[in-house]
């Protein structure tokens, strides 16, 4: 996965979200790592589609990513996260 292809805007939003989970929600380091990994995968998928900001994300983009996760045979808990 090449995080360099993810737009700076989406990277910043990811960092803010993970910081929120850490500071406000007190999520464990393992949970933060899992969320970061999963969201980076999603952001890479969006980057591959040419999506550069969150305002451009549509329901179809999310549905396509969920199908991809299903096709990868990930555990239900991973897909739900």
C-alpha atoms as a PDB file:
ATOM      1  CA  UNK A   1       0.000   0.000   0.000  1.00  0.00           C
ATOM      2  CA  UNK A   2       1.443   3.340  -1.038  1.00  0.00           C
ATOM      3  CA  UNK A   3       0.278   6.042   1.380  1.00  0.00           C
ATOM      4  CA  UNK A   4       2.044   8.631  -0.794  1.00  0.00           C
ATOM      5  CA  UNK A   5      -0.762   8.422  -3.349  1.00  0.00           C
ATOM      6  CA  UNK A   6      -3.378   9.416  -0.742  1.00  0.00           C
ATOM      7  CA  UNK A   7      -4.170  13.114  -0.841  1.00  0.00           C
ATOM      8  CA  UNK A   8      -2.813  15.331   1.955  1.00  0.00           C
ATOM      9  CA  UNK A   9      -6.396  16.359   2.767  1.00  0.00           C
ATOM     10  CA  UNK A  10      -7.512  12.784   3.406  1.00  0.00           C
ATOM     11  CA  UNK A  11      -4.279  12.000   5.272  1.00  0.00           C
ATOM     12  CA  UNK A  12      -4.924  14.962   7.589  1.00  0.00           C
ATOM     13  CA  UNK A  13      -8.512  13.842   8.184  1.00  0.00           C
ATOM     14  CA  UNK A  14      -7.281  10.351   9.016  1.00  0.00           C
ATOM     15  CA  UNK A  15      -4.776  11.706  11.550  1.00  0.00           C
ATOM     16  CA  UNK A  16      -7.475  13.860  13.169  1.00  0.00           C
ATOM     17  CA  UNK A  17      -9.843  10.896  13.419  1.00  0.00           C
ATOM     18  CA  UNK A  18      -7.216   8.588  14.936  1.00  0.00           C
ATOM     19  CA  UNK A  19      -6.243  11.353  17.370  1.00  0.00           C
ATOM     20  CA  UNK A  20      -9.908  11.700  18.359  1.00  0.00           C
ATOM     21  CA  UNK A  21     -10.159   7.956  18.989  1.00  0.00           C
ATOM     22  CA  UNK A  22      -7.024   8.086  21.107  1.00  0.00           C
ATOM     23  CA  UNK A  23      -7.660  11.251  23.113  1.00  0.00           C
ATOM     24  CA  UNK A  24     -11.446  11.429  23.405  1.00  0.00           C
ATOM     25  CA  UNK A  25     -12.377   7.765  23.256  1.00  0.00           C
ATOM     26  CA  UNK A  26      -9.249   6.280  24.910  1.00  0.00           C
ATOM     27  CA  UNK A  27      -8.986   3.437  22.399  1.00  0.00           C
ATOM     28  CA  UNK A  28      -6.160   0.980  22.985  1.00  0.00           C
ATOM     29  CA  UNK A  29      -2.990   1.128  20.877  1.00  0.00           C
ATOM     30  CA  UNK A  30      -3.941  -2.152  19.157  1.00  0.00           C
ATOM     31  CA  UNK A  31      -7.379  -0.799  18.231  1.00  0.00           C
ATOM     32  CA  UNK A  32      -5.858   2.444  16.947  1.00  0.00           C
ATOM     33  CA  UNK A  33      -3.432   0.440  14.817  1.00  0.00           C
ATOM     34  CA  UNK A  34      -6.279  -1.661  13.401  1.00  0.00           C
ATOM     35  CA  UNK A  35      -8.372   1.403  12.571  1.00  0.00           C
ATOM     36  CA  UNK A  36      -5.367   3.114  10.980  1.00  0.00           C
ATOM     37  CA  UNK A  37      -4.571   0.078   8.850  1.00  0.00           C
ATOM     38  CA  UNK A  38      -8.183  -0.389   7.742  1.00  0.00           C
ATOM     39  CA  UNK A  39      -8.723   3.277   6.966  1.00  0.00           C
ATOM     40  CA  UNK A  40      -5.451   3.516   5.059  1.00  0.00           C
ATOM     41  CA  UNK A  41      -6.657   0.613   2.917  1.00  0.00           C
ATOM     42  CA  UNK A  42      -9.907   2.494   2.275  1.00  0.00           C
ATOM     43  CA  UNK A  43      -8.097   5.754   1.514  1.00  0.00           C
ATOM     44  CA  UNK A  44      -5.837   3.903  -0.920  1.00  0.00           C
ATOM     45  CA  UNK A  45      -8.930   2.516  -2.623  1.00  0.00           C
ATOM     46  CA  UNK A  46     -10.298   6.065  -2.896  1.00  0.00           C
ATOM     47  CA  UNK A  47      -6.959   7.340  -4.236  1.00  0.00           C
ATOM     48  CA  UNK A  48      -7.053   4.605  -6.889  1.00  0.00           C
ATOM     49  CA  UNK A  49     -10.465   5.992  -7.908  1.00  0.00           C
ATOM     50  CA  UNK A  50      -9.078   9.540  -8.064  1.00  0.00           C
ATOM     51  CA  UNK A  51     -10.856  10.743  -4.918  1.00  0.00           C
ATOM     52  CA  UNK A  52      -8.870  13.557  -3.273  1.00  0.00           C
ATOM     53  CA  UNK A  53     -11.231  14.900  -0.566  1.00  0.00           C
ATOM     54  CA  UNK A  54     -14.041  13.643   1.647  1.00  0.00           C
ATOM     55  CA  UNK A  55     -16.665  15.782  -0.106  1.00  0.00           C
ATOM     56  CA  UNK A  56     -16.155  13.674  -3.242  1.00  0.00           C
ATOM     57  CA  UNK A  57     -16.850  10.347  -1.522  1.00  0.00           C
ATOM     58  CA  UNK A  58     -20.156   8.805  -2.585  1.00  0.00           C
ATOM     59  CA  UNK A  59     -22.118   5.832  -1.273  1.00  0.00           C
ATOM     60  CA  UNK A  60     -21.048   3.835  -4.338  1.00  0.00           C
ATOM     61  CA  UNK A  61     -17.386   4.268  -3.335  1.00  0.00           C
ATOM     62  CA  UNK A  62     -18.078   2.822   0.102  1.00  0.00           C
ATOM     63  CA  UNK A  63     -20.142  -0.032  -1.310  1.00  0.00           C
ATOM     64  CA  UNK A  64     -17.370  -0.909  -3.765  1.00  0.00           C
ATOM     65  CA  UNK A  65     -14.838  -0.986  -0.940  1.00  0.00           C
ATOM     66  CA  UNK A  66     -17.077  -3.172   1.226  1.00  0.00           C
ATOM     67  CA  UNK A  67     -17.411  -5.587  -1.682  1.00  0.00           C
ATOM     68  CA  UNK A  68     -13.629  -5.631  -2.032  1.00  0.00           C
ATOM     69  CA  UNK A  69     -13.267  -6.481   1.665  1.00  0.00           C
ATOM     70  CA  UNK A  70     -15.804  -9.261   1.274  1.00  0.00           C
ATOM     71  CA  UNK A  71     -13.955 -10.599  -1.781  1.00  0.00           C
ATOM     72  CA  UNK A  72     -10.773 -10.687   0.328  1.00  0.00           C
ATOM     73  CA  UNK A  73     -12.565 -12.980   2.800  1.00  0.00           C
ATOM     74  CA  UNK A  74     -11.738 -10.765   5.760  1.00  0.00           C
ATOM     75  CA  UNK A  75     -13.280 -11.634   9.099  1.00  0.00           C
ATOM     76  CA  UNK A  76     -16.659 -10.102   9.875  1.00  0.00           C
ATOM     77  CA  UNK A  77     -15.087  -8.051  12.680  1.00  0.00           C
ATOM     78  CA  UNK A  78     -12.523  -6.570  10.282  1.00  0.00           C
ATOM     79  CA  UNK A  79     -15.167  -5.671   7.722  1.00  0.00           C
ATOM     80  CA  UNK A  80     -17.390  -4.151  10.422  1.00  0.00           C
ATOM     81  CA  UNK A  81     -14.578  -1.976  11.765  1.00  0.00           C
END
